[in-house]
Protein backbone atom coordinates (compact mmCIF):
# COMPACT_ATOMS: atom_id res chain seq x y z
CA UNK A 1 106.27 117.29 116.11
CA UNK A 2 103.97 114.27 115.73
CA UNK A 3 103.87 112.57 112.36
CA UNK A 4 100.66 110.69 111.59
CA UNK A 5 100.66 107.68 109.27
CA UNK A 6 97.33 106.51 107.86
CA UNK A 7 96.89 103.18 106.09
CA UNK A 8 94.06 100.75 105.36
CA UNK A 9 94.04 97.02 104.55
CA UNK A 10 91.72 97.75 101.62
CA UNK A 11 94.83 98.92 99.76
CA UNK A 12 95.82 95.27 99.47
CA UNK A 13 92.53 94.36 97.79
CA UNK A 14 93.08 96.45 94.65
CA UNK A 15 94.35 93.67 92.41
CA UNK A 16 96.20 94.22 89.15
CA UNK A 17 97.22 91.78 86.40
CA UNK A 18 100.20 89.46 86.99
CA UNK A 19 103.46 91.32 86.47
CA UNK A 20 101.85 94.75 86.88
CA UNK A 21 104.21 97.11 88.76
CA UNK A 22 101.44 98.73 90.84
CA UNK A 23 100.84 95.77 93.12
CA UNK A 24 99.81 95.10 96.73
CA UNK A 25 103.39 94.28 97.75
CA UNK A 26 104.10 98.01 97.58
CA UNK A 27 101.99 98.51 100.69
CA UNK A 28 103.37 95.43 102.41
CA UNK A 29 106.97 96.65 102.23
CA UNK A 30 105.97 100.10 103.48
CA UNK A 31 104.11 98.56 106.40
CA UNK A 32 107.16 96.39 107.13
CA UNK A 33 109.67 99.21 107.28
CA UNK A 34 107.43 101.51 109.31
CA UNK A 35 107.14 98.87 112.06
CA UNK A 36 110.87 99.18 112.81
CA UNK A 37 111.85 100.59 116.20
CA UNK A 38 113.04 103.88 114.71
CA UNK A 39 109.41 104.62 113.77
CA UNK A 40 107.82 103.65 117.07
CA UNK A 41 106.95 107.27 117.89
CA UNK A 42 104.71 107.65 114.85
CA UNK A 43 101.03 108.23 115.45
CA UNK A 44 99.12 105.65 113.47
CA UNK A 45 95.56 105.31 112.29
CA UNK A 46 93.32 103.62 109.79
CA UNK A 47 92.23 105.71 106.86
CA UNK A 48 88.44 106.13 106.87
CA UNK A 49 86.41 105.57 103.77
CA UNK A 50 86.04 108.83 101.89
CA UNK A 51 82.85 110.44 100.63
CA UNK A 52 81.71 111.09 97.10
CA UNK A 53 81.22 114.72 98.11
CA UNK A 54 84.97 114.92 98.70
CA UNK A 55 85.69 113.34 95.32
CA UNK A 56 83.33 115.81 93.64
CA UNK A 57 85.56 118.68 94.77
CA UNK A 58 87.92 117.70 91.93
CA UNK A 59 86.13 115.23 89.63
CA UNK A 60 83.00 115.48 87.52
CA UNK A 61 79.77 113.88 88.71
CA UNK A 62 79.48 112.01 85.41
CA UNK A 63 82.94 110.53 85.75
CA UNK A 64 82.36 109.50 89.38
CA UNK A 65 79.11 107.75 88.47
CA UNK A 66 80.67 106.04 85.46
CA UNK A 67 83.63 104.75 87.47
CA UNK A 68 81.35 103.44 90.21
CA UNK A 69 79.20 101.72 87.60
CA UNK A 70 82.21 100.01 86.02
CA UNK A 71 83.47 98.55 89.30
CA UNK A 72 83.34 94.76 88.78
CA UNK A 73 81.94 92.06 91.04
CA UNK A 74 84.54 89.62 89.74
CA UNK A 75 87.53 89.60 87.40
CA UNK A 76 89.21 92.70 86.03
CA UNK A 77 87.74 95.59 84.06
CA UNK A 78 90.23 97.58 81.97
CA UNK A 79 89.78 101.34 81.67
CA UNK A 80 92.88 101.57 79.49
CA UNK A 81 95.87 99.33 78.81
CA UNK A 82 97.51 100.23 82.15
CA UNK A 83 94.55 100.91 84.44
CA UNK A 84 92.15 98.24 85.63
CA UNK A 85 89.63 97.66 88.40
CA UNK A 86 89.13 94.51 90.47
CA UNK A 87 86.31 93.85 92.96
CA UNK A 88 88.38 95.45 95.73
CA UNK A 89 89.44 98.51 93.79
CA UNK A 90 86.54 100.82 94.64
CA UNK A 91 87.00 100.48 98.41
CA UNK A 92 90.76 100.91 98.03
CA UNK A 93 90.23 104.11 96.04
CA UNK A 94 87.76 105.50 98.56
CA UNK A 95 90.04 104.72 101.51
CA UNK A 96 92.77 106.63 99.70
CA UNK A 97 90.39 109.58 99.40
CA UNK A 98 89.35 109.26 103.02
CA UNK A 99 92.94 108.99 104.18
CA UNK A 100 93.94 112.17 102.38
CA UNK A 101 90.96 114.06 103.79
CA UNK A 102 91.42 112.72 107.34
CA UNK A 103 95.12 113.53 107.29
CA UNK A 104 94.32 117.06 106.18
CA UNK A 105 91.78 117.48 108.97
CA UNK A 106 94.26 116.18 111.56
CA UNK A 107 97.09 118.44 110.44
CA UNK A 108 94.97 121.58 110.20
CA UNK A 109 93.38 120.88 113.58
CA UNK A 110 96.84 120.49 115.11
CA UNK A 111 96.33 116.86 116.11
CA UNK A 112 99.44 116.07 114.04
CA UNK A 113 102.30 118.20 112.83
CA UNK A 114 102.31 116.46 109.46
CA UNK A 115 101.03 113.24 107.92
CA UNK A 116 101.83 110.51 105.43
CA UNK A 117 99.02 108.54 103.77
CA UNK A 118 100.27 105.12 102.64
CA UNK A 119 97.46 103.85 100.45
CA UNK A 120 97.11 102.68 96.87
CA UNK A 121 96.25 103.01 94.01
CA UNK A 122 98.01 106.33 93.35
CA UNK A 123 96.13 109.37 92.12
CA UNK A 124 98.04 112.16 90.39
CA UNK A 125 97.34 111.06 86.80
CA UNK A 126 93.56 111.09 87.29
CA UNK A 127 92.11 114.08 85.49
CA UNK A 128 88.78 115.70 86.36
CA UNK A 129 86.94 113.30 84.07
CA UNK A 130 89.35 110.48 83.25
CA UNK A 131 91.24 107.61 84.90
CA UNK A 132 94.71 106.86 83.58
CA UNK A 133 98.21 105.78 84.56
CA UNK A 134 97.11 103.43 87.38
CA UNK A 135 95.10 106.33 88.91
CA UNK A 136 91.37 106.87 89.51
CA UNK A 137 90.83 109.85 91.84
CA UNK A 138 93.46 112.50 92.60
CA UNK A 139 93.96 112.24 96.35
CA UNK A 140 96.45 115.11 96.57
CA UNK A 141 94.13 117.46 94.69
CA UNK A 142 91.18 116.41 96.83
CA UNK A 143 93.19 117.08 99.99
CA UNK A 144 94.10 120.57 98.75
CA UNK A 145 90.56 121.48 97.79
CA UNK A 146 89.12 120.01 101.00
CA UNK A 147 91.48 122.20 103.02
CA UNK A 148 90.16 125.24 101.20
CA UNK A 149 86.46 124.36 101.27
CA UNK A 150 86.20 122.99 104.82
CA UNK A 151 88.92 124.87 106.66
CA UNK A 152 89.17 128.16 104.76
CA UNK A 153 92.81 127.69 103.78
CA UNK A 154 93.65 130.31 101.19
CA UNK A 155 96.78 129.15 99.37
CA UNK A 156 97.82 125.51 98.98
CA UNK A 157 100.94 124.12 97.30
CA UNK A 158 100.91 120.65 95.80
CA UNK A 159 104.51 119.49 95.30
CA UNK A 160 105.04 116.37 93.18
CA UNK A 161 108.39 114.60 92.94
CA UNK A 162 107.10 111.43 91.29
CA UNK A 163 109.12 110.56 88.19
CA UNK A 164 105.97 110.87 86.08
CA UNK A 165 104.32 114.25 85.65
CA UNK A 166 101.05 114.68 87.54
CA UNK A 167 98.93 115.64 84.57
CA UNK A 168 95.76 115.13 86.60
CA UNK A 169 96.72 117.60 89.31
CA UNK A 170 97.86 120.09 86.68
CA UNK A 171 94.56 119.65 84.81
CA UNK A 172 92.48 120.21 87.95
CA UNK A 173 94.31 123.37 89.06
CA UNK A 174 95.31 124.85 85.68
CA UNK A 175 93.02 127.87 86.03
CA UNK A 176 93.27 128.25 89.82
CA UNK A 177 95.33 131.11 91.24
CA UNK A 178 94.98 129.76 94.81
CA UNK A 179 96.78 126.43 94.28
CA UNK A 180 100.40 126.19 93.13
CA UNK A 181 101.38 122.89 91.51
CA UNK A 182 105.12 122.19 91.36
CA UNK A 183 106.60 119.09 89.73
CA UNK A 184 109.93 117.49 88.97
CA UNK A 185 109.66 114.57 86.58
CA UNK A 186 111.51 112.81 83.79
CA UNK A 187 110.74 114.13 80.32
CA UNK A 188 110.07 112.71 77.79
CA UNK A 189 108.14 110.02 79.64
CA UNK A 190 104.53 109.07 80.29
CA UNK A 191 102.14 110.91 80.27
CA UNK A 192 103.91 113.41 77.98
CA UNK A 193 102.87 116.59 79.78
CA UNK A 194 104.96 118.74 82.09
CA UNK A 195 107.00 121.03 79.84
CA UNK A 196 108.44 124.09 81.55
CA UNK A 197 106.28 126.23 79.26
CA UNK A 198 103.11 124.80 80.86
CA UNK A 199 102.42 127.45 83.50
CA UNK A 200 98.65 127.60 83.96
CA UNK A 201 96.32 130.55 83.53
CA UNK A 202 97.85 132.42 86.48
CA UNK A 203 101.45 131.23 86.44
CA UNK A 204 100.84 128.86 89.33
CA UNK A 205 102.00 125.73 87.49
CA UNK A 206 105.75 125.20 87.97
CA UNK A 207 107.25 122.35 85.95
CA UNK A 208 110.93 121.43 86.23
CA UNK A 209 111.47 118.51 83.84
CA UNK A 210 114.59 116.36 84.21
CA UNK A 211 116.38 114.37 81.53
CA UNK A 212 116.96 110.64 81.44
CA UNK A 213 120.05 109.83 83.48
CA UNK A 214 119.78 112.87 85.75
CA UNK A 215 120.42 112.20 89.40
CA UNK A 216 120.42 113.90 92.77
CA UNK A 217 122.47 116.91 91.67
CA UNK A 218 120.05 117.89 88.92
CA UNK A 219 117.03 117.12 91.10
CA UNK A 220 118.29 119.28 93.93
CA UNK A 221 119.24 122.06 91.52
CA UNK A 222 115.71 122.10 90.08
CA UNK A 223 114.30 122.57 93.55
CA UNK A 224 116.89 125.11 94.71
CA UNK A 225 116.81 127.25 91.59
CA UNK A 226 113.16 127.08 90.53
CA UNK A 227 110.66 125.38 92.79
CA UNK A 228 111.70 126.45 96.29
CA UNK A 229 111.95 130.17 95.41
CA UNK A 230 108.51 130.07 93.78
CA UNK A 231 107.07 128.39 96.85
CA UNK A 232 108.63 130.96 99.15
CA UNK A 233 107.03 133.76 97.12
CA UNK A 234 103.66 132.01 96.97
CA UNK A 235 103.71 131.44 100.76
CA UNK A 236 101.36 128.46 100.98
CA UNK A 237 99.25 127.93 104.08
CA UNK A 238 99.33 124.16 103.53
CA UNK A 239 101.64 121.83 101.64
CA UNK A 240 100.40 118.63 100.00
CA UNK A 241 103.11 116.31 98.69
CA UNK A 242 102.51 113.85 95.89
CA UNK A 243 105.16 111.47 97.18
CA UNK A 244 106.21 109.24 94.32
CA UNK A 245 109.50 107.39 94.71
CA UNK A 246 109.96 106.08 91.17
CA UNK A 247 112.71 108.59 90.38
CA UNK A 248 114.97 106.26 92.38
CA UNK A 249 117.79 104.74 90.33
CA UNK A 250 116.46 101.20 90.87
CA UNK A 251 112.95 101.88 89.58
CA UNK A 252 111.99 99.88 86.47
CA UNK A 253 109.61 102.42 84.92
CA UNK A 254 111.99 105.33 84.39
CA UNK A 255 115.65 106.26 84.20
CA UNK A 256 116.44 108.94 86.76
CA UNK A 257 119.11 108.17 89.33
CA UNK A 258 117.92 109.49 92.67
CA UNK A 259 118.84 107.86 95.97
CA UNK A 260 116.67 107.54 99.05
CA UNK A 261 118.64 110.39 100.61
CA UNK A 262 117.41 112.76 97.89
CA UNK A 263 113.82 112.20 99.01
CA UNK A 264 114.82 112.91 102.59
CA UNK A 265 116.57 116.10 101.46
CA UNK A 266 113.62 117.47 99.50
CA UNK A 267 111.24 116.67 102.34
CA UNK A 268 113.35 118.69 104.76
CA UNK A 269 113.57 121.60 102.30
CA UNK A 270 109.78 121.67 101.95
CA UNK A 271 109.42 121.45 105.72
CA UNK A 272 111.58 124.55 106.13
CA UNK A 273 109.26 126.58 103.93
CA UNK A 274 106.18 125.04 105.53
CA UNK A 275 107.51 126.08 108.94
CA UNK A 276 107.83 129.65 107.69
CA UNK A 277 104.52 130.01 105.85
CA UNK A 278 102.16 127.21 106.86
CA UNK A 279 102.76 126.48 110.52
CA UNK A 280 104.62 123.34 109.42
CA UNK A 281 101.46 121.82 107.95
CA UNK A 282 102.25 119.08 105.42
CA UNK A 283 100.09 116.23 104.13
CA UNK A 284 101.96 113.66 102.04
CA UNK A 285 100.19 111.03 99.93
CA UNK A 286 101.83 108.02 98.29
CA UNK A 287 102.06 108.03 94.51
CA UNK A 288 104.50 105.82 92.55
CA UNK A 289 107.56 103.73 93.35
CA UNK A 290 107.76 100.26 91.87
CA UNK A 291 111.05 98.69 92.94
CA UNK A 292 110.19 97.30 96.36
CA UNK A 293 113.61 97.78 97.96
CA UNK A 294 113.92 101.32 96.63
CA UNK A 295 110.37 102.11 97.70
CA UNK A 296 110.98 100.86 101.21
CA UNK A 297 114.22 102.80 101.63
CA UNK A 298 112.77 105.96 100.10
CA UNK A 299 109.62 105.94 102.22
CA UNK A 300 111.80 105.43 105.29
CA UNK A 301 113.88 108.48 104.35
CA UNK A 302 110.77 110.57 103.65
CA UNK A 303 109.01 109.66 106.89
CA UNK A 304 112.21 110.06 108.91
CA UNK A 305 112.45 113.60 107.58
CA UNK A 306 108.79 114.31 108.38
CA UNK A 307 109.48 113.18 111.94
CA UNK A 308 112.25 115.76 112.17
CA UNK A 309 114.82 113.05 112.79
């Protein structure tokens, strides 16, 4: 199995205020670890710039135009207290979109067994018509919808293990019986959504909230007892992973206690189902993870699992 990793230097040009946790160093430490000898068999590529047609699969035309209009030529423009744009943000966002789409094309065409898209900013908080939580466009949702529209994939699962609930992905697919969204996340915590009672119009939203202080045992139990059985029944033809690593015990923005090995474990569990229902097809996109050491170790565990190692 060949694992494809897509990146782009534009990810470094999305600048945030001093002290902001979502910073370019996140990409630098990922690049550093993935150059180690143990990852030399990865296929690597540069994420292409995405198209507005791809973005419009999940976001309103008005919102897209407004965000483009607000992109600054200098300084920072704040969309809310946490989410700002710099002159390099727009290209970084669009390379994230393009990376997710290109990875999906490669995996479905069989040019790669699976893929990891290491770009920033993240995307899963972006709703159809609103930026929030460091996010602008929902790359995971765009990948899922692109697979359906371009390649005729029927059922897609988006699995999100970021410590924050992916309200944007849930919003986009709430009324869609063809996409299953599954999430573990700390609750209560930003953005406040993600209760187990939130199930979507067709029961295809699967939320498994975790409590502050929970660790690998509770995380693995949530997957074993709730999420994995639902995925097996749904039988997705493609898996998209919203790969956030901020549930790690070192992360400053939350208080779960996962280890890097937990992210490796869940990746392998999802791969087992993907092998059975989706020909092994998985596209993973980077979301959160704000302690640099924890992020580096967790990405290494995730990608090692994708490689089948």
